N, C-alpha and C. Protein backbone atom coordinates (compact mmCIF):
# COMPACT_ATOMS: atom_id res chain seq x y z
N MET A 1 -8.48 3.51 -14.87
CA MET A 1 -9.07 3.59 -13.56
C MET A 1 -8.81 4.99 -13.02
N SER A 2 -9.80 5.58 -12.41
CA SER A 2 -9.69 6.95 -11.92
C SER A 2 -8.97 6.97 -10.58
N ILE A 3 -8.72 8.16 -10.09
CA ILE A 3 -8.06 8.34 -8.80
C ILE A 3 -8.93 7.77 -7.68
N ILE A 4 -10.24 7.84 -7.81
CA ILE A 4 -11.14 7.26 -6.81
C ILE A 4 -10.97 5.74 -6.78
N GLY A 5 -10.82 5.13 -7.94
CA GLY A 5 -10.58 3.70 -8.02
C GLY A 5 -9.27 3.31 -7.34
N TRP A 6 -8.22 4.15 -7.54
CA TRP A 6 -6.95 3.87 -6.88
C TRP A 6 -7.06 4.03 -5.37
N ILE A 7 -7.84 4.97 -4.92
CA ILE A 7 -8.02 5.15 -3.47
C ILE A 7 -8.73 3.94 -2.87
N ILE A 8 -9.77 3.47 -3.54
CA ILE A 8 -10.48 2.28 -3.06
C ILE A 8 -9.55 1.07 -3.10
N LEU A 9 -8.81 0.93 -4.18
CA LEU A 9 -7.84 -0.16 -4.28
C LEU A 9 -6.80 -0.04 -3.18
N GLY A 10 -6.37 1.18 -2.87
CA GLY A 10 -5.39 1.41 -1.82
C GLY A 10 -5.91 1.03 -0.44
N LEU A 11 -7.17 1.33 -0.19
CA LEU A 11 -7.76 0.93 1.09
C LEU A 11 -7.73 -0.59 1.24
N LEU A 12 -8.10 -1.29 0.19
CA LEU A 12 -8.10 -2.74 0.24
C LEU A 12 -6.67 -3.30 0.27
N ALA A 13 -5.77 -2.69 -0.48
CA ALA A 13 -4.37 -3.15 -0.48
C ALA A 13 -3.72 -2.91 0.88
N GLY A 14 -4.05 -1.81 1.53
CA GLY A 14 -3.53 -1.54 2.87
C GLY A 14 -4.02 -2.57 3.87
N ALA A 15 -5.27 -2.96 3.76
CA ALA A 15 -5.81 -4.00 4.65
C ALA A 15 -5.13 -5.34 4.39
N ILE A 16 -4.89 -5.66 3.14
CA ILE A 16 -4.21 -6.92 2.81
C ILE A 16 -2.76 -6.88 3.31
N ALA A 17 -2.09 -5.74 3.13
CA ALA A 17 -0.71 -5.60 3.63
C ALA A 17 -0.67 -5.75 5.14
N LYS A 18 -1.65 -5.22 5.83
CA LYS A 18 -1.72 -5.34 7.29
C LYS A 18 -1.91 -6.80 7.71
N VAL A 19 -2.71 -7.55 6.95
CA VAL A 19 -2.90 -8.97 7.25
C VAL A 19 -1.60 -9.74 7.01
N LEU A 20 -0.88 -9.38 5.96
CA LEU A 20 0.38 -10.06 5.64
C LEU A 20 1.50 -9.70 6.60
N LEU A 21 1.45 -8.50 7.19
CA LEU A 21 2.45 -8.04 8.16
C LEU A 21 1.75 -7.66 9.46
N PRO A 22 1.34 -8.64 10.25
CA PRO A 22 0.63 -8.30 11.48
C PRO A 22 1.57 -7.64 12.50
N GLY A 23 0.98 -6.99 13.44
CA GLY A 23 1.74 -6.32 14.49
C GLY A 23 1.23 -4.91 14.69
N ARG A 24 1.79 -4.26 15.68
CA ARG A 24 1.38 -2.88 15.98
C ARG A 24 2.01 -1.91 15.00
N ASP A 25 1.20 -1.04 14.50
CA ASP A 25 1.70 0.03 13.63
C ASP A 25 1.69 1.33 14.39
N PRO A 26 2.71 2.15 14.18
CA PRO A 26 2.75 3.42 14.91
C PRO A 26 1.59 4.35 14.59
N GLY A 27 0.98 4.25 13.43
CA GLY A 27 -0.08 5.17 13.06
C GLY A 27 -1.47 4.63 13.30
N GLY A 28 -1.60 3.40 13.71
CA GLY A 28 -2.91 2.81 13.92
C GLY A 28 -3.65 2.58 12.62
N LEU A 29 -4.95 2.53 12.72
CA LEU A 29 -5.79 2.23 11.55
C LEU A 29 -5.71 3.32 10.49
N VAL A 30 -5.73 4.57 10.91
CA VAL A 30 -5.68 5.68 9.95
C VAL A 30 -4.35 5.70 9.22
N GLY A 31 -3.27 5.51 9.95
CA GLY A 31 -1.95 5.51 9.33
C GLY A 31 -1.78 4.37 8.35
N THR A 32 -2.26 3.19 8.73
CA THR A 32 -2.18 2.04 7.84
C THR A 32 -3.01 2.25 6.59
N THR A 33 -4.17 2.86 6.75
CA THR A 33 -5.03 3.14 5.60
C THR A 33 -4.36 4.13 4.64
N LEU A 34 -3.77 5.18 5.18
CA LEU A 34 -3.07 6.14 4.33
C LEU A 34 -1.87 5.52 3.64
N ILE A 35 -1.16 4.64 4.36
CA ILE A 35 -0.04 3.93 3.75
C ILE A 35 -0.54 3.05 2.61
N GLY A 36 -1.69 2.42 2.79
CA GLY A 36 -2.25 1.60 1.73
C GLY A 36 -2.58 2.40 0.49
N ILE A 37 -3.16 3.57 0.68
CA ILE A 37 -3.52 4.42 -0.47
C ILE A 37 -2.27 4.90 -1.19
N VAL A 38 -1.32 5.43 -0.45
CA VAL A 38 -0.08 5.92 -1.06
C VAL A 38 0.70 4.76 -1.68
N GLY A 39 0.71 3.61 -1.00
CA GLY A 39 1.40 2.44 -1.53
C GLY A 39 0.80 1.96 -2.84
N ALA A 40 -0.52 2.00 -2.95
CA ALA A 40 -1.17 1.60 -4.19
C ALA A 40 -0.79 2.55 -5.33
N LEU A 41 -0.81 3.83 -5.04
CA LEU A 41 -0.42 4.80 -6.07
C LEU A 41 1.05 4.63 -6.45
N LEU A 42 1.90 4.45 -5.45
CA LEU A 42 3.33 4.26 -5.71
C LEU A 42 3.60 2.97 -6.48
N GLY A 43 2.96 1.88 -6.07
CA GLY A 43 3.14 0.62 -6.76
C GLY A 43 2.68 0.67 -8.20
N GLY A 44 1.56 1.32 -8.45
CA GLY A 44 1.06 1.49 -9.82
C GLY A 44 1.99 2.34 -10.66
N TRP A 45 2.52 3.40 -10.07
CA TRP A 45 3.43 4.27 -10.79
C TRP A 45 4.73 3.55 -11.13
N ILE A 46 5.30 2.83 -10.16
CA ILE A 46 6.54 2.09 -10.40
C ILE A 46 6.32 1.02 -11.46
N SER A 47 5.20 0.33 -11.37
CA SER A 47 4.89 -0.73 -12.33
C SER A 47 4.79 -0.19 -13.75
N SER A 48 4.12 0.92 -13.91
CA SER A 48 3.95 1.46 -15.26
C SER A 48 5.20 2.18 -15.76
N ARG A 49 5.94 2.78 -14.86
CA ARG A 49 7.09 3.58 -15.27
C ARG A 49 8.35 2.74 -15.50
N TYR A 50 8.68 1.88 -14.54
CA TYR A 50 9.96 1.19 -14.58
C TYR A 50 9.89 -0.29 -14.97
N LEU A 51 8.76 -0.92 -14.81
CA LEU A 51 8.65 -2.34 -15.13
C LEU A 51 7.98 -2.59 -16.47
N ASP A 52 7.72 -1.53 -17.23
CA ASP A 52 7.06 -1.62 -18.53
C ASP A 52 5.79 -2.46 -18.48
N ARG A 53 5.07 -2.33 -17.39
CA ARG A 53 3.78 -3.03 -17.24
C ARG A 53 2.71 -1.95 -17.18
N PRO A 54 2.07 -1.67 -18.30
CA PRO A 54 1.04 -0.64 -18.27
C PRO A 54 -0.11 -1.04 -17.34
N ILE A 55 -0.61 -0.08 -16.64
CA ILE A 55 -1.71 -0.32 -15.70
C ILE A 55 -3.01 -0.38 -16.48
N SER A 56 -3.75 -1.41 -16.22
CA SER A 56 -5.01 -1.63 -16.91
C SER A 56 -6.09 -0.71 -16.34
N ASN A 57 -7.07 -0.40 -17.14
CA ASN A 57 -8.22 0.36 -16.66
C ASN A 57 -9.22 -0.51 -15.94
N ASP A 58 -8.95 -1.80 -15.91
CA ASP A 58 -9.84 -2.75 -15.26
C ASP A 58 -9.48 -2.85 -13.78
N PHE A 59 -10.46 -2.68 -12.91
CA PHE A 59 -10.24 -2.72 -11.46
C PHE A 59 -9.80 -4.10 -11.01
N TYR A 60 -10.17 -5.15 -11.73
CA TYR A 60 -9.90 -6.52 -11.31
C TYR A 60 -8.68 -7.12 -11.99
N ASP A 61 -7.78 -6.32 -12.49
CA ASP A 61 -6.56 -6.81 -13.11
C ASP A 61 -5.58 -7.29 -12.03
N THR A 62 -5.09 -8.51 -12.18
CA THR A 62 -4.21 -9.11 -11.17
C THR A 62 -2.92 -8.31 -11.01
N ALA A 63 -2.33 -7.87 -12.11
CA ALA A 63 -1.08 -7.11 -12.02
C ALA A 63 -1.27 -5.80 -11.27
N THR A 64 -2.41 -5.15 -11.47
CA THR A 64 -2.70 -3.91 -10.76
C THR A 64 -2.80 -4.17 -9.26
N TRP A 65 -3.47 -5.23 -8.88
CA TRP A 65 -3.60 -5.58 -7.46
C TRP A 65 -2.25 -5.92 -6.86
N LEU A 66 -1.43 -6.69 -7.57
CA LEU A 66 -0.11 -7.04 -7.05
C LEU A 66 0.77 -5.81 -6.89
N ALA A 67 0.70 -4.88 -7.83
CA ALA A 67 1.47 -3.65 -7.71
C ALA A 67 1.01 -2.83 -6.51
N ALA A 68 -0.29 -2.74 -6.30
CA ALA A 68 -0.82 -1.97 -5.17
C ALA A 68 -0.46 -2.61 -3.84
N ILE A 69 -0.59 -3.92 -3.74
CA ILE A 69 -0.24 -4.61 -2.49
C ILE A 69 1.26 -4.54 -2.25
N GLY A 70 2.05 -4.71 -3.30
CA GLY A 70 3.51 -4.62 -3.15
C GLY A 70 3.95 -3.24 -2.69
N GLY A 71 3.37 -2.20 -3.28
CA GLY A 71 3.69 -0.84 -2.84
C GLY A 71 3.29 -0.59 -1.40
N SER A 72 2.15 -1.12 -1.00
CA SER A 72 1.69 -0.97 0.38
C SER A 72 2.60 -1.70 1.35
N LEU A 73 3.03 -2.91 0.97
CA LEU A 73 3.94 -3.66 1.83
C LEU A 73 5.27 -2.93 2.01
N VAL A 74 5.80 -2.41 0.93
CA VAL A 74 7.08 -1.69 1.01
C VAL A 74 6.94 -0.47 1.91
N LEU A 75 5.90 0.31 1.72
CA LEU A 75 5.72 1.50 2.56
C LEU A 75 5.46 1.14 4.01
N LEU A 76 4.72 0.08 4.26
CA LEU A 76 4.45 -0.34 5.63
C LEU A 76 5.74 -0.79 6.32
N ILE A 77 6.59 -1.51 5.63
CA ILE A 77 7.88 -1.93 6.20
C ILE A 77 8.75 -0.72 6.50
N VAL A 78 8.85 0.21 5.55
CA VAL A 78 9.66 1.42 5.76
C VAL A 78 9.11 2.24 6.92
N TYR A 79 7.80 2.36 6.99
CA TYR A 79 7.15 3.12 8.07
C TYR A 79 7.44 2.50 9.43
N ARG A 80 7.38 1.18 9.50
CA ARG A 80 7.68 0.50 10.77
C ARG A 80 9.14 0.65 11.15
N LEU A 81 10.04 0.60 10.17
CA LEU A 81 11.45 0.78 10.46
C LEU A 81 11.75 2.18 10.98
N LEU A 82 11.10 3.17 10.40
CA LEU A 82 11.36 4.55 10.80
C LEU A 82 10.67 4.95 12.10
N PHE A 83 9.43 4.51 12.28
CA PHE A 83 8.64 4.99 13.40
C PHE A 83 8.11 3.89 14.31
N GLY A 84 8.58 2.67 14.14
CA GLY A 84 8.04 1.54 14.88
C GLY A 84 8.25 1.58 16.37
N ASN A 85 9.32 2.17 16.85
CA ASN A 85 9.63 2.19 18.26
C ASN A 85 9.04 3.38 18.99
N SER A 86 8.36 4.25 18.29
CA SER A 86 7.88 5.48 18.92
C SER A 86 6.69 5.25 19.85
N ARG A 87 6.00 4.10 19.75
CA ARG A 87 4.84 3.85 20.59
C ARG A 87 5.12 2.88 21.74
N GLU A 88 6.36 2.41 21.82
CA GLU A 88 6.68 1.49 22.91
C GLU A 88 6.76 2.24 24.23
N ARG A 89 6.32 1.58 25.29
CA ARG A 89 6.40 2.18 26.62
C ARG A 89 7.81 2.00 27.17
N ARG A 90 8.21 2.96 27.93
CA ARG A 90 9.56 2.88 28.52
C ARG A 90 9.47 2.76 29.99
């Protein structure tokens, strides 16, 4: 799968991660989308590098989707922990 495929997968994985973790995000829609893209790339890299699960060239591979969604969830949680309180009114 090319980098364009990973970006598209990341957009969808970011949306799924947002549905699984509802609430306000400090970055809004753009921030969540970027987290989804980076999370998909990170999840795919971790899966292929450390879990000995080679990434398939097939866009519809379940393991690829789980790695992308998992990476997006992890980044979204870390992002909320680091920057979650920055948009609250005082």
